[in-house]
Amino acid sequence: MIDIHSHILPGIDDGAKTIHDSVDMAKQAVSEGIHTIIATPHHRNGKYDNVMSDILPLVESVNETLKRENINLTVLPGQECRIYGEILEDYQKGDILPLNQTSQYLFIEFPSSSVPRYAERLLYEIQVEGLSPVIVHPERNAELIERPDKLYKLVKNGAATQLTASSLIGYFGKNIQKFSQQIIEANLTHFIASDAHNIHNRTFKMEEAMNYIEKKYGIDMVYYFTENAEMLIEGKTIYKEIPEMIKKKKFLGIF
């Protein structure tokens, strides 16, 4: 299994604090059947700035440590970039890191409470640049919960999305779990990933989530998500189903 979203790099954001934490996370990942993981430290989220030149050597160092420890996990480079207006200029400068460095896929994070007004235009411009934006954890965004039509429009216009495994199995509460299910059922997401930060309260939950998906939606849906993750790291075009609108339920307005 491939996990495309994690905070396994030590000491650069709110994920692993030390290399020992990174090793512990790696061991837990392997125990869940994960063999490849993309390290996606936060960038430009108001607290952390991690440009490509900071991330690449740290990924190499973590991989060397895992090899010495005989832990069968490969860490690939990536970045979780908070949306901001100059993102394409910084991409051209070499600060912005697509997933696995060589792919066209780029993580885009919205603020937790809102979707910036310029988001639709910027996501379009990112695609014109030849990149494929992947909106991370839309199920935890208050405005998208309140206005799921906005998510539909962004996906219809070419953006991909990534749900968090823990959201789907209820660790962020029933409302977010329900919205996660609706996102899957409306063909509005393309990846399941852990967004793991540690081995305590923000763990992988990938095995549990995939078992849940198989039970609720069938094995084909598991293949859909696992194959999309494989194609992402290979820089290939992912599978996309035709998106549908989510009918807003009253309780979704309560965040």
C-alpha atoms as a PDB file:
ATOM      1  CA  MET A   1       0.000   0.000   0.000  1.00  0.00           C
ATOM      2  CA  ILE A   2       1.134   3.564  -0.741  1.00  0.00           C
ATOM      3  CA  ASP A   3       0.417   6.475   1.596  1.00  0.00           C
ATOM      4  CA  ILE A   4       0.660   9.785  -0.262  1.00  0.00           C
ATOM      5  CA  HIS A   5       0.311  12.179   2.726  1.00  0.00           C
ATOM      6  CA  SER A   6       2.346  12.083   5.936  1.00  0.00           C
ATOM      7  CA  HIS A   7       4.380  14.197   8.317  1.00  0.00           C
ATOM      8  CA  ILE A   8       7.173  11.681   8.907  1.00  0.00           C
ATOM      9  CA  LEU A   9      10.153  14.007   8.415  1.00  0.00           C
ATOM     10  CA  PRO A  10      11.696  14.948  11.766  1.00  0.00           C
ATOM     11  CA  GLY A  11      11.769  18.414  13.280  1.00  0.00           C
ATOM     12  CA  ILE A  12      10.340  20.566  10.487  1.00  0.00           C
ATOM     13  CA  ASP A  13       6.620  20.812  11.248  1.00  0.00           C
ATOM     14  CA  ASP A  14       4.005  19.468  13.679  1.00  0.00           C
ATOM     15  CA  GLY A  15       4.717  15.852  12.724  1.00  0.00           C
ATOM     16  CA  ALA A  16       7.689  13.743  13.870  1.00  0.00           C
ATOM     17  CA  LYS A  17       9.863  15.713  16.295  1.00  0.00           C
ATOM     18  CA  THR A  18      12.989  13.538  16.113  1.00  0.00           C
ATOM     19  CA  ILE A  19      14.433  10.837  13.886  1.00  0.00           C
ATOM     20  CA  HIS A  20      13.348   8.340  16.551  1.00  0.00           C
ATOM     21  CA  ASP A  21       9.758   9.499  16.018  1.00  0.00           C
ATOM     22  CA  SER A  22      10.231   9.055  12.258  1.00  0.00           C
ATOM     23  CA  VAL A  23      11.480   5.495  12.816  1.00  0.00           C
ATOM     24  CA  ASP A  24       8.516   4.709  15.093  1.00  0.00           C
ATOM     25  CA  MET A  25       6.116   6.056  12.455  1.00  0.00           C
ATOM     26  CA  ALA A  26       7.859   3.997   9.768  1.00  0.00           C
ATOM     27  CA  LYS A  27       7.505   0.814  11.831  1.00  0.00           C
ATOM     28  CA  GLN A  28       3.808   1.494  12.356  1.00  0.00           C
ATOM     29  CA  ALA A  29       3.312   2.186   8.646  1.00  0.00           C
ATOM     30  CA  VAL A  30       4.951  -1.111   7.688  1.00  0.00           C
ATOM     31  CA  SER A  31       2.783  -2.963  10.229  1.00  0.00           C
ATOM     32  CA  GLU A  32      -0.291  -1.681   8.317  1.00  0.00           C
ATOM     33  CA  GLY A  33       1.019  -2.912   4.971  1.00  0.00           C
ATOM     34  CA  ILE A  34       2.411   0.425   3.760  1.00  0.00           C
ATOM     35  CA  HIS A  35       5.622   0.049   1.753  1.00  0.00           C
ATOM     36  CA  THR A  36       5.917   3.555   0.270  1.00  0.00           C
ATOM     37  CA  ILE A  37       5.085   6.868   1.871  1.00  0.00           C
ATOM     38  CA  ILE A  38       5.281  10.448   0.646  1.00  0.00           C
ATOM     39  CA  ALA A  39       6.615  12.929   3.182  1.00  0.00           C
ATOM     40  CA  THR A  40       4.521  16.085   2.844  1.00  0.00           C
ATOM     41  CA  PRO A  41       5.636  18.691   5.388  1.00  0.00           C
ATOM     42  CA  HIS A  42       3.574  21.849   5.728  1.00  0.00           C
ATOM     43  CA  HIS A  43       4.548  24.867   3.666  1.00  0.00           C
ATOM     44  CA  ARG A  44       3.283  28.447   3.943  1.00  0.00           C
ATOM     45  CA  ASN A  45       0.556  27.597   6.460  1.00  0.00           C
ATOM     46  CA  GLY A  46       1.362  30.560   8.683  1.00  0.00           C
ATOM     47  CA  LYS A  47       3.616  28.543  10.974  1.00  0.00           C
ATOM     48  CA  TYR A  48       5.909  26.430   8.823  1.00  0.00           C
ATOM     49  CA  ASP A  49       7.843  27.128   5.636  1.00  0.00           C
ATOM     50  CA  ASN A  50       9.507  24.127   4.030  1.00  0.00           C
ATOM     51  CA  VAL A  51      10.854  24.675   0.523  1.00  0.00           C
ATOM     52  CA  MET A  52      12.078  21.948  -1.813  1.00  0.00           C
ATOM     53  CA  SER A  53      15.764  22.483  -0.955  1.00  0.00           C
ATOM     54  CA  ASP A  54      15.003  21.844   2.748  1.00  0.00           C
ATOM     55  CA  ILE A  55      12.898  18.750   2.136  1.00  0.00           C
ATOM     56  CA  LEU A  56      14.990  16.708  -0.322  1.00  0.00           C
ATOM     57  CA  PRO A  57      18.098  16.167   1.861  1.00  0.00           C
ATOM     58  CA  LEU A  58      15.927  15.296   4.859  1.00  0.00           C
ATOM     59  CA  VAL A  59      14.067  12.642   2.843  1.00  0.00           C
ATOM     60  CA  GLU A  60      17.415  11.167   1.813  1.00  0.00           C
ATOM     61  CA  SER A  61      18.616  11.150   5.413  1.00  0.00           C
ATOM     62  CA  VAL A  62      15.447   9.425   6.690  1.00  0.00           C
ATOM     63  CA  ASN A  63      15.708   6.761   3.982  1.00  0.00           C
ATOM     64  CA  GLU A  64      19.329   6.072   4.980  1.00  0.00           C
ATOM     65  CA  THR A  65      18.250   5.666   8.608  1.00  0.00           C
ATOM     66  CA  LEU A  66      15.404   3.292   7.682  1.00  0.00           C
ATOM     67  CA  LYS A  67      17.805   1.215   5.602  1.00  0.00           C
ATOM     68  CA  ARG A  68      20.238   0.932   8.518  1.00  0.00           C
ATOM     69  CA  GLU A  69      17.348  -0.084  10.791  1.00  0.00           C
ATOM     70  CA  ASN A  70      16.181  -2.706   8.256  1.00  0.00           C
ATOM     71  CA  ILE A  71      12.752  -1.095   7.988  1.00  0.00           C
ATOM     72  CA  ASN A  72      11.220  -1.899   4.619  1.00  0.00           C
ATOM     73  CA  LEU A  73       9.725   1.503   3.854  1.00  0.00           C
ATOM     74  CA  THR A  74      10.590   3.951   1.096  1.00  0.00           C
ATOM     75  CA  VAL A  75      10.028   7.636   1.788  1.00  0.00           C
ATOM     76  CA  LEU A  76       9.422   9.894  -1.213  1.00  0.00           C
ATOM     77  CA  PRO A  77       9.543  13.704  -1.248  1.00  0.00           C
ATOM     78  CA  GLY A  78       6.493  15.943  -1.269  1.00  0.00           C
ATOM     79  CA  GLN A  79       4.998  19.033   0.318  1.00  0.00           C
ATOM     80  CA  GLU A  80       1.638  20.101   1.740  1.00  0.00           C
ATOM     81  CA  CYS A  81       1.308  23.615   0.425  1.00  0.00           C
ATOM     82  CA  ARG A  82      -1.251  26.020   1.880  1.00  0.00           C
ATOM     83  CA  ILE A  83      -2.889  27.871  -0.984  1.00  0.00           C
ATOM     84  CA  TYR A  84      -1.495  31.348  -1.643  1.00  0.00           C
ATOM     85  CA  GLY A  85      -1.458  33.696  -4.596  1.00  0.00           C
ATOM     86  CA  GLU A  86       2.234  33.420  -5.555  1.00  0.00           C
ATOM     87  CA  ILE A  87       2.403  29.640  -5.600  1.00  0.00           C
ATOM     88  CA  LEU A  88       3.177  29.394  -9.323  1.00  0.00           C
ATOM     89  CA  GLU A  89       5.924  32.013  -9.116  1.00  0.00           C
ATOM     90  CA  ASP A  90       7.494  30.011  -6.278  1.00  0.00           C
ATOM     91  CA  TYR A  91       7.088  26.797  -8.274  1.00  0.00           C
ATOM     92  CA  GLN A  92       9.037  28.385 -11.122  1.00  0.00           C
ATOM     93  CA  LYS A  93      11.693  29.486  -8.595  1.00  0.00           C
ATOM     94  CA  GLY A  94      12.059  25.884  -7.412  1.00  0.00           C
ATOM     95  CA  ASP A  95      10.560  26.250  -3.928  1.00  0.00           C
ATOM     96  CA  ILE A  96       7.394  24.223  -4.567  1.00  0.00           C
ATOM     97  CA  LEU A  97       7.735  20.451  -4.588  1.00  0.00           C
ATOM     98  CA  PRO A  98       5.291  18.243  -6.521  1.00  0.00           C
ATOM     99  CA  LEU A  99       4.592  14.807  -5.046  1.00  0.00           C
ATOM    100  CA  ASN A 100       7.529  12.446  -5.635  1.00  0.00           C
ATOM    101  CA  GLN A 101       9.307  15.489  -7.123  1.00  0.00           C
ATOM    102  CA  THR A 102       8.910  14.321 -10.724  1.00  0.00           C
ATOM    103  CA  SER A 103       5.124  13.948 -10.923  1.00  0.00           C
ATOM    104  CA  GLN A 104       2.691  16.671 -11.981  1.00  0.00           C
ATOM    105  CA  TYR A 105       0.625  16.280  -8.800  1.00  0.00           C
ATOM    106  CA  LEU A 106       0.699  19.128  -6.278  1.00  0.00           C
ATOM    107  CA  PHE A 107      -0.915  19.105  -2.836  1.00  0.00           C
ATOM    108  CA  ILE A 108      -3.045  22.160  -2.086  1.00  0.00           C
ATOM    109  CA  GLU A 109      -4.363  22.801   1.426  1.00  0.00           C
ATOM    110  CA  PHE A 110      -7.164  25.253   2.182  1.00  0.00           C
ATOM    111  CA  PRO A 111      -7.514  27.039   5.540  1.00  0.00           C
ATOM    112  CA  SER A 112      -9.611  24.845   7.839  1.00  0.00           C
ATOM    113  CA  SER A 113     -12.558  27.240   7.976  1.00  0.00           C
ATOM    114  CA  SER A 114     -12.786  28.615   4.446  1.00  0.00           C
ATOM    115  CA  VAL A 115     -12.007  28.430   0.742  1.00  0.00           C
ATOM    116  CA  PRO A 116     -10.265  31.584  -0.541  1.00  0.00           C
ATOM    117  CA  ARG A 117     -12.192  33.473  -3.219  1.00  0.00           C
ATOM    118  CA  TYR A 118      -9.284  33.177  -5.635  1.00  0.00           C
ATOM    119  CA  ALA A 119      -9.033  29.373  -5.225  1.00  0.00           C
ATOM    120  CA  GLU A 120     -10.998  28.461  -8.354  1.00  0.00           C
ATOM    121  CA  ARG A 121      -8.936  30.766 -10.554  1.00  0.00           C
ATOM    122  CA  LEU A 122      -5.614  29.663  -9.047  1.00  0.00           C
ATOM    123  CA  LEU A 123      -6.424  25.955  -9.383  1.00  0.00           C
ATOM    124  CA  TYR A 124      -7.191  26.637 -13.050  1.00  0.00           C
ATOM    125  CA  GLU A 125      -3.877  28.458 -13.502  1.00  0.00           C
ATOM    126  CA  ILE A 126      -2.026  25.576 -11.814  1.00  0.00           C
ATOM    127  CA  GLN A 127      -3.514  23.225 -14.399  1.00  0.00           C
ATOM    128  CA  VAL A 128      -2.567  25.572 -17.252  1.00  0.00           C
ATOM    129  CA  GLU A 129       1.010  25.310 -15.917  1.00  0.00           C
ATOM    130  CA  GLY A 130       0.785  21.528 -16.514  1.00  0.00           C
ATOM    131  CA  LEU A 131       0.318  20.578 -12.871  1.00  0.00           C
ATOM    132  CA  SER A 132      -2.545  18.625 -11.296  1.00  0.00           C
ATOM    133  CA  PRO A 133      -3.767  20.134  -8.004  1.00  0.00           C
ATOM    134  CA  VAL A 134      -4.831  17.691  -5.292  1.00  0.00           C
ATOM    135  CA  ILE A 135      -6.968  19.299  -2.572  1.00  0.00           C
ATOM    136  CA  VAL A 136      -6.105  17.670   0.749  1.00  0.00           C
ATOM    137  CA  HIS A 137      -8.685  16.704   3.388  1.00  0.00           C
ATOM    138  CA  PRO A 138     -11.662  18.630   1.940  1.00  0.00           C
ATOM    139  CA  GLU A 139     -13.897  16.749   4.379  1.00  0.00           C
ATOM    140  CA  ARG A 140     -12.411  18.798   7.258  1.00  0.00           C
ATOM    141  CA  ASN A 141     -13.017  22.212   5.675  1.00  0.00           C
ATOM    142  CA  ALA A 142     -15.925  24.069   7.311  1.00  0.00           C
ATOM    143  CA  GLU A 143     -16.951  25.970   4.180  1.00  0.00           C
ATOM    144  CA  LEU A 144     -16.988  22.842   2.014  1.00  0.00           C
ATOM    145  CA  ILE A 145     -19.085  21.035   4.631  1.00  0.00           C
ATOM    146  CA  GLU A 146     -21.525  23.941   4.515  1.00  0.00           C
ATOM    147  CA  ARG A 147     -21.290  24.403   0.727  1.00  0.00           C
ATOM    148  CA  PRO A 148     -20.497  21.022  -0.888  1.00  0.00           C
ATOM    149  CA  ASP A 149     -21.400  22.536  -4.268  1.00  0.00           C
ATOM    150  CA  LYS A 150     -18.076  24.378  -4.102  1.00  0.00           C
ATOM    151  CA  LEU A 151     -16.207  21.079  -3.871  1.00  0.00           C
ATOM    152  CA  TYR A 152     -18.218  19.714  -6.795  1.00  0.00           C
ATOM    153  CA  LYS A 153     -17.286  22.728  -8.918  1.00  0.00           C
ATOM    154  CA  LEU A 154     -13.572  22.465  -8.125  1.00  0.00           C
ATOM    155  CA  VAL A 155     -13.501  18.743  -8.965  1.00  0.00           C
ATOM    156  CA  LYS A 156     -15.617  19.249 -12.091  1.00  0.00           C
ATOM    157  CA  ASN A 157     -13.048  21.842 -13.199  1.00  0.00           C
ATOM    158  CA  GLY A 158     -10.201  19.351 -12.915  1.00  0.00           C
ATOM    159  CA  ALA A 159      -8.925  19.302  -9.334  1.00  0.00           C
ATOM    160  CA  ALA A 160      -8.411  15.977  -7.564  1.00  0.00           C
ATOM    161  CA  THR A 161      -8.949  15.481  -3.825  1.00  0.00           C
ATOM    162  CA  GLN A 162      -7.559  13.326  -1.021  1.00  0.00           C
ATOM    163  CA  LEU A 163      -9.603  12.131   1.948  1.00  0.00           C
ATOM    164  CA  THR A 164      -8.029  11.352   5.307  1.00  0.00           C
ATOM    165  CA  ALA A 165      -8.280   7.729   6.451  1.00  0.00           C
ATOM    166  CA  SER A 166      -9.103   8.775  10.034  1.00  0.00           C
ATOM    167  CA  SER A 167     -11.961  11.002   8.840  1.00  0.00           C
ATOM    168  CA  LEU A 168     -13.609   8.130   7.013  1.00  0.00           C
ATOM    169  CA  ILE A 169     -13.620   5.818  10.012  1.00  0.00           C
ATOM    170  CA  GLY A 170     -14.902   8.385  12.486  1.00  0.00           C
ATOM    171  CA  TYR A 171     -11.877   9.698  14.368  1.00  0.00           C
ATOM    172  CA  PHE A 172     -12.793  13.321  13.607  1.00  0.00           C
ATOM    173  CA  GLY A 173     -16.442  12.833  14.593  1.00  0.00           C
ATOM    174  CA  LYS A 174     -19.670  11.667  13.002  1.00  0.00           C
ATOM    175  CA  ASN A 175     -20.325  14.742  10.853  1.00  0.00           C
ATOM    176  CA  ILE A 176     -16.945  14.578   9.165  1.00  0.00           C
ATOM    177  CA  GLN A 177     -17.311  10.808   8.747  1.00  0.00           C
ATOM    178  CA  LYS A 178     -20.689  11.266   7.068  1.00  0.00           C
ATOM    179  CA  PHE A 179     -19.382  14.004   4.787  1.00  0.00           C
ATOM    180  CA  SER A 180     -16.421  11.767   3.861  1.00  0.00           C
ATOM    181  CA  GLN A 181     -18.854   9.033   2.826  1.00  0.00           C
ATOM    182  CA  GLN A 182     -20.873  11.488   0.757  1.00  0.00           C
ATOM    183  CA  ILE A 183     -17.701  12.689  -0.971  1.00  0.00           C
ATOM    184  CA  ILE A 184     -16.831   9.113  -1.958  1.00  0.00           C
ATOM    185  CA  GLU A 185     -20.381   8.333  -3.083  1.00  0.00           C
ATOM    186  CA  ALA A 186     -20.482  11.483  -5.253  1.00  0.00           C
ATOM    187  CA  ASN A 187     -17.156  10.604  -6.965  1.00  0.00           C
ATOM    188  CA  LEU A 188     -15.558  13.713  -5.499  1.00  0.00           C
ATOM    189  CA  THR A 189     -12.350  12.114  -4.234  1.00  0.00           C
ATOM    190  CA  HIS A 190      -9.495  10.183  -5.776  1.00  0.00           C
ATOM    191  CA  PHE A 191      -7.137   9.237  -2.940  1.00  0.00           C
ATOM    192  CA  ILE A 192      -7.213   7.968   0.634  1.00  0.00           C
ATOM    193  CA  ALA A 193      -4.146   8.874   2.698  1.00  0.00           C
ATOM    194  CA  SER A 194      -3.201   8.974   6.355  1.00  0.00           C
ATOM    195  CA  ASP A 195      -2.027  12.545   7.041  1.00  0.00           C
ATOM    196  CA  ALA A 196      -0.208  10.805   9.909  1.00  0.00           C
ATOM    197  CA  HIS A 197       1.674  13.077  12.319  1.00  0.00           C
ATOM    198  CA  ASN A 198       2.755  10.620  15.035  1.00  0.00           C
ATOM    199  CA  ILE A 199       2.007   7.171  16.515  1.00  0.00           C
ATOM    200  CA  HIS A 200      -0.275   8.472  19.291  1.00  0.00           C
ATOM    201  CA  ASN A 201      -3.266  10.611  18.312  1.00  0.00           C
ATOM    202  CA  ARG A 202      -2.657  11.260  14.584  1.00  0.00           C
ATOM    203  CA  THR A 203      -1.771   7.826  13.272  1.00  0.00           C
ATOM    204  CA  PHE A 204      -2.067   6.081   9.917  1.00  0.00           C
ATOM    205  CA  LYS A 205      -5.379   4.167  10.118  1.00  0.00           C
ATOM    206  CA  MET A 206      -4.873   3.166   6.457  1.00  0.00           C
ATOM    207  CA  GLU A 207      -5.502  -0.544   6.969  1.00  0.00           C
ATOM    208  CA  GLU A 208      -8.658   0.177   8.973  1.00  0.00           C
ATOM    209  CA  ALA A 209      -9.902   2.645   6.354  1.00  0.00           C
ATOM    210  CA  MET A 210      -9.318   0.267   3.443  1.00  0.00           C
ATOM    211  CA  ASN A 211     -11.123  -2.531   5.302  1.00  0.00           C
ATOM    212  CA  TYR A 212     -14.013  -0.126   5.904  1.00  0.00           C
ATOM    213  CA  ILE A 213     -14.112   0.851   2.214  1.00  0.00           C
ATOM    214  CA  GLU A 214     -14.117  -2.790   1.108  1.00  0.00           C
ATOM    215  CA  LYS A 215     -16.965  -3.627   3.488  1.00  0.00           C
ATOM    216  CA  LYS A 216     -19.080  -0.571   2.603  1.00  0.00           C
ATOM    217  CA  TYR A 217     -18.297  -0.058  -1.100  1.00  0.00           C
ATOM    218  CA  GLY A 218     -16.670  -3.259  -2.352  1.00  0.00           C
ATOM    219  CA  ILE A 219     -13.184  -4.334  -3.410  1.00  0.00           C
ATOM    220  CA  ASP A 220     -13.309  -2.329  -6.664  1.00  0.00           C
ATOM    221  CA  MET A 221     -13.316   0.911  -4.660  1.00  0.00           C
ATOM    222  CA  VAL A 222     -10.235  -0.265  -2.763  1.00  0.00           C
ATOM    223  CA  TYR A 223      -8.490  -0.922  -6.085  1.00  0.00           C
ATOM    224  CA  TYR A 224      -9.556   2.511  -7.334  1.00  0.00           C
ATOM    225  CA  PHE A 225      -7.805   4.274  -4.464  1.00  0.00           C
ATOM    226  CA  THR A 226      -4.735   2.035  -4.321  1.00  0.00           C
ATOM    227  CA  GLU A 227      -4.159   2.172  -8.077  1.00  0.00           C
ATOM    228  CA  ASN A 228      -4.568   5.955  -8.138  1.00  0.00           C
ATOM    229  CA  ALA A 229      -1.832   6.241  -5.491  1.00  0.00           C
ATOM    230  CA  GLU A 230       0.441   4.062  -7.634  1.00  0.00           C
ATOM    231  CA  MET A 231      -0.243   6.150 -10.731  1.00  0.00           C
ATOM    232  CA  LEU A 232       0.359   9.370  -8.834  1.00  0.00           C
ATOM    233  CA  ILE A 233       3.888   8.441  -7.793  1.00  0.00           C
ATOM    234  CA  GLU A 234       4.595   7.255 -11.345  1.00  0.00           C
ATOM    235  CA  GLY A 235       3.338  10.561 -12.744  1.00  0.00           C
ATOM    236  CA  LYS A 236       0.581   8.866 -14.736  1.00  0.00           C
ATOM    237  CA  THR A 237      -2.971  10.094 -15.280  1.00  0.00           C
ATOM    238  CA  ILE A 238      -5.192   8.897 -12.439  1.00  0.00           C
ATOM    239  CA  TYR A 239      -8.676   7.400 -12.702  1.00  0.00           C
ATOM    240  CA  LYS A 240     -11.539   9.861 -12.288  1.00  0.00           C
ATOM    241  CA  GLU A 241     -15.232   9.066 -12.183  1.00  0.00           C
ATOM    242  CA  ILE A 242     -17.835  11.646 -13.233  1.00  0.00           C
ATOM    243  CA  PRO A 243     -18.419  13.908 -10.210  1.00  0.00           C
ATOM    244  CA  GLU A 244     -21.903  14.395  -8.808  1.00  0.00           C
ATOM    245  CA  MET A 245     -23.474  17.017  -6.568  1.00  0.00           C
ATOM    246  CA  ILE A 246     -23.916  16.274  -2.870  1.00  0.00           C
ATOM    247  CA  LYS A 247     -27.364  17.122  -1.611  1.00  0.00           C
ATOM    248  CA  LYS A 248     -26.769  19.225   1.481  1.00  0.00           C
ATOM    249  CA  LYS A 249     -28.191  17.723   4.663  1.00  0.00           C
ATOM    250  CA  LYS A 250     -29.251  20.043   7.447  1.00  0.00           C
ATOM    251  CA  PHE A 251     -26.908  18.548  10.029  1.00  0.00           C
ATOM    252  CA  LEU A 252     -23.898  19.248   7.829  1.00  0.00           C
ATOM    253  CA  GLY A 253     -24.309  22.914   8.673  1.00  0.00           C
ATOM    254  CA  ILE A 254     -23.338  22.133  12.263  1.00  0.00           C
ATOM    255  CA  PHE A 255     -19.533  22.026  12.339  1.00  0.00           C
END
